[in-house]
Amino acid sequence: MTEAAHHVHQPASTHIATLFGIGRIRFAPGTFASLAAYPVGWWLGLLTGAPGVIFGALVAFAVGWYACSAHARRTGVKDPKECVMDELAGQWLALAAIPIVDGFFHWIPLVAAFVGFRFFDIIKPWPISRAERFDGGLGIMADDMIAGGTTALLIVLAWWLKAFA
């Protein structure tokens, strides 16, 4: 079986955990997954506001917890690098804080949400790093949710302090 055919015949949980193959990109799969999260997160935000994006992030967290747990068990790796569903959930949580001005997201916090989330996800300062200690899919997903939540809080604070004016 070719490598491409092998990927097609994977369980649904693997397709979800890898965001339908984005996690298999050799260079910066997490960054590509965060970028891929933007169009749907942006659309959710415009249609439903922050509550809808937060709800979407929580659904993605729950689905990702299951899918990443199953994929990690199947591969025997605690946190497989190809599991990038966590980036989608965390990035959506960061996007929930973006203010909508005149019917559109304000562009500066939109960029800050991406940069901030990637920074916290890659550097993993405390308490983000501590969340990786959880077993299975929870450990895979939790650190990104905390990174997204931290980014969202900083964006709200910066908006409140008028730092994006």
C-alpha atoms as a PDB file:
ATOM      1  CA  MET A   1       0.000   0.000   0.000  1.00  0.00           C
ATOM      2  CA  THR A   2       1.380   3.434  -0.913  1.00  0.00           C
ATOM      3  CA  GLU A   3       1.871   6.072   1.787  1.00  0.00           C
ATOM      4  CA  ALA A   4      -0.997   8.148   0.354  1.00  0.00           C
ATOM      5  CA  ALA A   5      -3.334   5.119   0.374  1.00  0.00           C
ATOM      6  CA  HIS A   6      -2.255   4.320   3.929  1.00  0.00           C
ATOM      7  CA  HIS A   7      -3.359   7.797   5.092  1.00  0.00           C
ATOM      8  CA  VAL A   8      -6.738   7.494   3.372  1.00  0.00           C
ATOM      9  CA  HIS A   9      -7.513   4.242   5.200  1.00  0.00           C
ATOM     10  CA  GLN A  10      -6.915   5.656   8.675  1.00  0.00           C
ATOM     11  CA  PRO A  11      -9.659   5.695  11.338  1.00  0.00           C
ATOM     12  CA  ALA A  12     -11.877   8.778  11.553  1.00  0.00           C
ATOM     13  CA  SER A  13     -10.201   9.751  14.842  1.00  0.00           C
ATOM     14  CA  THR A  14      -6.843  10.047  13.064  1.00  0.00           C
ATOM     15  CA  HIS A  15      -8.331  12.228  10.322  1.00  0.00           C
ATOM     16  CA  ILE A  16      -9.842  14.489  13.001  1.00  0.00           C
ATOM     17  CA  ALA A  17      -6.713  14.549  15.201  1.00  0.00           C
ATOM     18  CA  THR A  18      -4.577  15.542  12.198  1.00  0.00           C
ATOM     19  CA  LEU A  19      -7.172  18.008  10.858  1.00  0.00           C
ATOM     20  CA  PHE A  20      -7.559  15.905   7.732  1.00  0.00           C
ATOM     21  CA  GLY A  21      -3.838  15.723   7.046  1.00  0.00           C
ATOM     22  CA  ILE A  22      -2.668  19.214   8.028  1.00  0.00           C
ATOM     23  CA  GLY A  23      -0.774  17.642  10.924  1.00  0.00           C
ATOM     24  CA  ARG A  24       1.262  15.625   8.437  1.00  0.00           C
ATOM     25  CA  ILE A  25       2.806  18.739   6.880  1.00  0.00           C
ATOM     26  CA  ARG A  26       6.524  18.350   7.589  1.00  0.00           C
ATOM     27  CA  PHE A  27       7.273  21.997   8.413  1.00  0.00           C
ATOM     28  CA  ALA A  28       5.351  23.814  11.193  1.00  0.00           C
ATOM     29  CA  PRO A  29       2.162  21.724  11.190  1.00  0.00           C
ATOM     30  CA  GLY A  30       0.847  23.560  14.269  1.00  0.00           C
ATOM     31  CA  THR A  31       1.213  26.927  12.575  1.00  0.00           C
ATOM     32  CA  PHE A  32      -0.585  25.665   9.470  1.00  0.00           C
ATOM     33  CA  ALA A  33      -3.360  24.238  11.664  1.00  0.00           C
ATOM     34  CA  SER A  34      -3.709  27.605  13.438  1.00  0.00           C
ATOM     35  CA  LEU A  35      -3.977  29.333  10.059  1.00  0.00           C
ATOM     36  CA  ALA A  36      -6.532  26.768   8.906  1.00  0.00           C
ATOM     37  CA  ALA A  37      -8.611  27.518  12.015  1.00  0.00           C
ATOM     38  CA  TYR A  38      -9.043  31.172  11.026  1.00  0.00           C
ATOM     39  CA  PRO A  39     -11.651  31.009   8.218  1.00  0.00           C
ATOM     40  CA  VAL A  40     -14.219  28.994  10.196  1.00  0.00           C
ATOM     41  CA  GLY A  41     -13.395  30.808  13.455  1.00  0.00           C
ATOM     42  CA  TRP A  42     -13.797  34.155  11.674  1.00  0.00           C
ATOM     43  CA  TRP A  43     -17.113  33.052  10.163  1.00  0.00           C
ATOM     44  CA  LEU A  44     -18.358  31.753  13.545  1.00  0.00           C
ATOM     45  CA  GLY A  45     -17.391  35.044  15.152  1.00  0.00           C
ATOM     46  CA  LEU A  46     -19.216  37.173  12.608  1.00  0.00           C
ATOM     47  CA  LEU A  47     -22.356  35.012  12.796  1.00  0.00           C
ATOM     48  CA  THR A  48     -22.538  34.315  16.522  1.00  0.00           C
ATOM     49  CA  GLY A  49     -20.061  36.604  18.264  1.00  0.00           C
ATOM     50  CA  ALA A  50     -17.783  35.488  21.069  1.00  0.00           C
ATOM     51  CA  PRO A  51     -20.282  33.006  22.596  1.00  0.00           C
ATOM     52  CA  GLY A  52     -20.442  31.014  19.358  1.00  0.00           C
ATOM     53  CA  VAL A  53     -16.668  30.929  18.957  1.00  0.00           C
ATOM     54  CA  ILE A  54     -16.217  29.837  22.578  1.00  0.00           C
ATOM     55  CA  PHE A  55     -18.849  27.126  22.079  1.00  0.00           C
ATOM     56  CA  GLY A  56     -17.058  26.001  18.901  1.00  0.00           C
ATOM     57  CA  ALA A  57     -13.730  25.898  20.764  1.00  0.00           C
ATOM     58  CA  LEU A  58     -15.280  23.777  23.525  1.00  0.00           C
ATOM     59  CA  VAL A  59     -16.808  21.365  20.993  1.00  0.00           C
ATOM     60  CA  ALA A  60     -13.450  21.167  19.182  1.00  0.00           C
ATOM     61  CA  PHE A  61     -11.791  20.528  22.571  1.00  0.00           C
ATOM     62  CA  ALA A  62     -14.151  17.632  23.369  1.00  0.00           C
ATOM     63  CA  VAL A  63     -13.883  16.076  19.903  1.00  0.00           C
ATOM     64  CA  GLY A  64     -10.118  16.625  19.891  1.00  0.00           C
ATOM     65  CA  TRP A  65      -9.728  15.055  23.325  1.00  0.00           C
ATOM     66  CA  TYR A  66     -11.371  11.878  22.029  1.00  0.00           C
ATOM     67  CA  ALA A  67      -9.618  11.867  18.623  1.00  0.00           C
ATOM     68  CA  CYS A  68      -6.159  12.686  19.966  1.00  0.00           C
ATOM     69  CA  SER A  69      -6.528  10.088  22.748  1.00  0.00           C
ATOM     70  CA  ALA A  70      -7.406   7.422  20.187  1.00  0.00           C
ATOM     71  CA  HIS A  71      -4.585   8.451  17.843  1.00  0.00           C
ATOM     72  CA  ALA A  72      -2.005   8.581  20.646  1.00  0.00           C
ATOM     73  CA  ARG A  73      -3.042   5.098  21.837  1.00  0.00           C
ATOM     74  CA  ARG A  74      -2.831   3.753  18.286  1.00  0.00           C
ATOM     75  CA  THR A  75       0.634   5.222  17.655  1.00  0.00           C
ATOM     76  CA  GLY A  76       2.022   4.604  21.159  1.00  0.00           C
ATOM     77  CA  VAL A  77       3.263   8.222  21.314  1.00  0.00           C
ATOM     78  CA  LYS A  78       2.218  10.416  24.274  1.00  0.00           C
ATOM     79  CA  ASP A  79       1.805  13.597  22.178  1.00  0.00           C
ATOM     80  CA  PRO A  80       2.118  12.824  18.461  1.00  0.00           C
ATOM     81  CA  LYS A  81       3.294  15.888  16.550  1.00  0.00           C
ATOM     82  CA  GLU A  82       0.702  15.255  13.862  1.00  0.00           C
ATOM     83  CA  CYS A  83      -2.157  15.802  16.352  1.00  0.00           C
ATOM     84  CA  VAL A  84      -3.096  19.396  15.556  1.00  0.00           C
ATOM     85  CA  MET A  85      -6.775  19.473  16.539  1.00  0.00           C
ATOM     86  CA  ASP A  86      -5.521  21.183  19.697  1.00  0.00           C
ATOM     87  CA  GLU A  87      -4.322  24.143  17.612  1.00  0.00           C
ATOM     88  CA  LEU A  88      -7.773  24.583  16.112  1.00  0.00           C
ATOM     89  CA  ALA A  89      -9.495  24.587  19.522  1.00  0.00           C
ATOM     90  CA  GLY A  90      -6.937  26.894  21.144  1.00  0.00           C
ATOM     91  CA  GLN A  91      -6.842  29.295  18.205  1.00  0.00           C
ATOM     92  CA  TRP A  92     -10.631  29.564  18.217  1.00  0.00           C
ATOM     93  CA  LEU A  93     -10.555  30.384  21.922  1.00  0.00           C
ATOM     94  CA  ALA A  94      -8.060  33.182  21.211  1.00  0.00           C
ATOM     95  CA  LEU A  95     -10.259  34.429  18.340  1.00  0.00           C
ATOM     96  CA  ALA A  96     -13.256  34.723  20.678  1.00  0.00           C
ATOM     97  CA  ALA A  97     -11.706  37.862  22.172  1.00  0.00           C
ATOM     98  CA  ILE A  98     -11.413  39.780  18.890  1.00  0.00           C
ATOM     99  CA  PRO A  99     -13.654  42.840  18.909  1.00  0.00           C
ATOM    100  CA  ILE A 100     -15.982  43.333  15.959  1.00  0.00           C
ATOM    101  CA  VAL A 101     -15.948  46.922  14.717  1.00  0.00           C
ATOM    102  CA  ASP A 102     -18.399  48.055  12.016  1.00  0.00           C
ATOM    103  CA  GLY A 103     -19.275  44.418  11.229  1.00  0.00           C
ATOM    104  CA  PHE A 104     -15.684  43.227  10.859  1.00  0.00           C
ATOM    105  CA  PHE A 105     -12.986  41.952  13.170  1.00  0.00           C
ATOM    106  CA  HIS A 106     -10.494  44.641  14.133  1.00  0.00           C
ATOM    107  CA  TRP A 107      -7.342  43.661  12.235  1.00  0.00           C
ATOM    108  CA  ILE A 108      -4.707  44.384  14.907  1.00  0.00           C
ATOM    109  CA  PRO A 109      -6.181  42.066  17.566  1.00  0.00           C
ATOM    110  CA  LEU A 110      -6.845  39.541  14.780  1.00  0.00           C
ATOM    111  CA  VAL A 111      -3.107  39.387  14.078  1.00  0.00           C
ATOM    112  CA  ALA A 112      -2.331  39.524  17.819  1.00  0.00           C
ATOM    113  CA  ALA A 113      -4.555  36.473  18.390  1.00  0.00           C
ATOM    114  CA  PHE A 114      -2.520  34.437  15.927  1.00  0.00           C
ATOM    115  CA  VAL A 115       0.904  35.639  17.077  1.00  0.00           C
ATOM    116  CA  GLY A 116       0.008  35.446  20.769  1.00  0.00           C
ATOM    117  CA  PHE A 117      -1.464  31.967  20.518  1.00  0.00           C
ATOM    118  CA  ARG A 118       1.506  30.616  18.556  1.00  0.00           C
ATOM    119  CA  PHE A 119       3.913  32.259  21.044  1.00  0.00           C
ATOM    120  CA  PHE A 120       2.247  30.706  24.092  1.00  0.00           C
ATOM    121  CA  ASP A 121       1.775  27.353  22.357  1.00  0.00           C
ATOM    122  CA  ILE A 122       5.440  27.119  21.339  1.00  0.00           C
ATOM    123  CA  ILE A 123       7.109  28.634  24.444  1.00  0.00           C
ATOM    124  CA  LYS A 124       4.665  27.043  26.928  1.00  0.00           C
ATOM    125  CA  PRO A 125       5.326  29.124  30.050  1.00  0.00           C
ATOM    126  CA  TRP A 126       3.824  28.013  33.364  1.00  0.00           C
ATOM    127  CA  PRO A 127       0.922  27.095  33.792  1.00  0.00           C
ATOM    128  CA  ILE A 128       0.617  26.075  30.126  1.00  0.00           C
ATOM    129  CA  SER A 129       3.518  23.639  30.384  1.00  0.00           C
ATOM    130  CA  ARG A 130       1.929  21.977  33.401  1.00  0.00           C
ATOM    131  CA  ALA A 131      -1.171  21.001  31.419  1.00  0.00           C
ATOM    132  CA  GLU A 132       0.914  18.698  29.224  1.00  0.00           C
ATOM    133  CA  ARG A 133       1.278  16.370  32.218  1.00  0.00           C
ATOM    134  CA  PHE A 134      -2.309  15.146  31.858  1.00  0.00           C
ATOM    135  CA  ASP A 135      -2.681  11.733  30.251  1.00  0.00           C
ATOM    136  CA  GLY A 136      -3.852  11.090  26.705  1.00  0.00           C
ATOM    137  CA  GLY A 137      -5.899  13.528  24.701  1.00  0.00           C
ATOM    138  CA  LEU A 138      -6.489  15.799  27.688  1.00  0.00           C
ATOM    139  CA  GLY A 139      -2.759  16.525  27.919  1.00  0.00           C
ATOM    140  CA  ILE A 140      -2.581  17.090  24.167  1.00  0.00           C
ATOM    141  CA  MET A 141      -5.546  19.481  24.167  1.00  0.00           C
ATOM    142  CA  ALA A 142      -5.348  21.301  27.526  1.00  0.00           C
ATOM    143  CA  ASP A 143      -2.109  23.239  26.986  1.00  0.00           C
ATOM    144  CA  ASP A 144      -3.465  24.754  23.769  1.00  0.00           C
ATOM    145  CA  MET A 145      -6.737  25.726  25.430  1.00  0.00           C
ATOM    146  CA  ILE A 146      -4.792  27.487  28.186  1.00  0.00           C
ATOM    147  CA  ALA A 147      -2.584  29.173  25.553  1.00  0.00           C
ATOM    148  CA  GLY A 148      -5.720  30.313  23.695  1.00  0.00           C
ATOM    149  CA  GLY A 149      -7.387  31.501  26.888  1.00  0.00           C
ATOM    150  CA  THR A 150      -4.265  33.397  27.955  1.00  0.00           C
ATOM    151  CA  THR A 151      -4.068  35.061  24.556  1.00  0.00           C
ATOM    152  CA  ALA A 152      -7.772  35.971  24.708  1.00  0.00           C
ATOM    153  CA  LEU A 153      -7.395  37.524  28.169  1.00  0.00           C
ATOM    154  CA  LEU A 154      -4.420  39.607  27.029  1.00  0.00           C
ATOM    155  CA  ILE A 155      -6.327  40.811  23.947  1.00  0.00           C
ATOM    156  CA  VAL A 156      -9.327  41.822  26.074  1.00  0.00           C
ATOM    157  CA  LEU A 157      -7.009  43.640  28.483  1.00  0.00           C
ATOM    158  CA  ALA A 158      -5.181  45.406  25.633  1.00  0.00           C
ATOM    159  CA  TRP A 159      -8.498  46.424  24.032  1.00  0.00           C
ATOM    160  CA  TRP A 160      -9.757  47.704  27.367  1.00  0.00           C
ATOM    161  CA  LEU A 161      -6.533  49.726  27.817  1.00  0.00           C
ATOM    162  CA  LYS A 162      -6.999  51.041  24.231  1.00  0.00           C
ATOM    163  CA  ALA A 163      -3.659  49.580  23.142  1.00  0.00           C
ATOM    164  CA  PHE A 164      -5.027  48.846  19.650  1.00  0.00           C
ATOM    165  CA  ALA A 165      -6.240  52.394  18.960  1.00  0.00           C
END
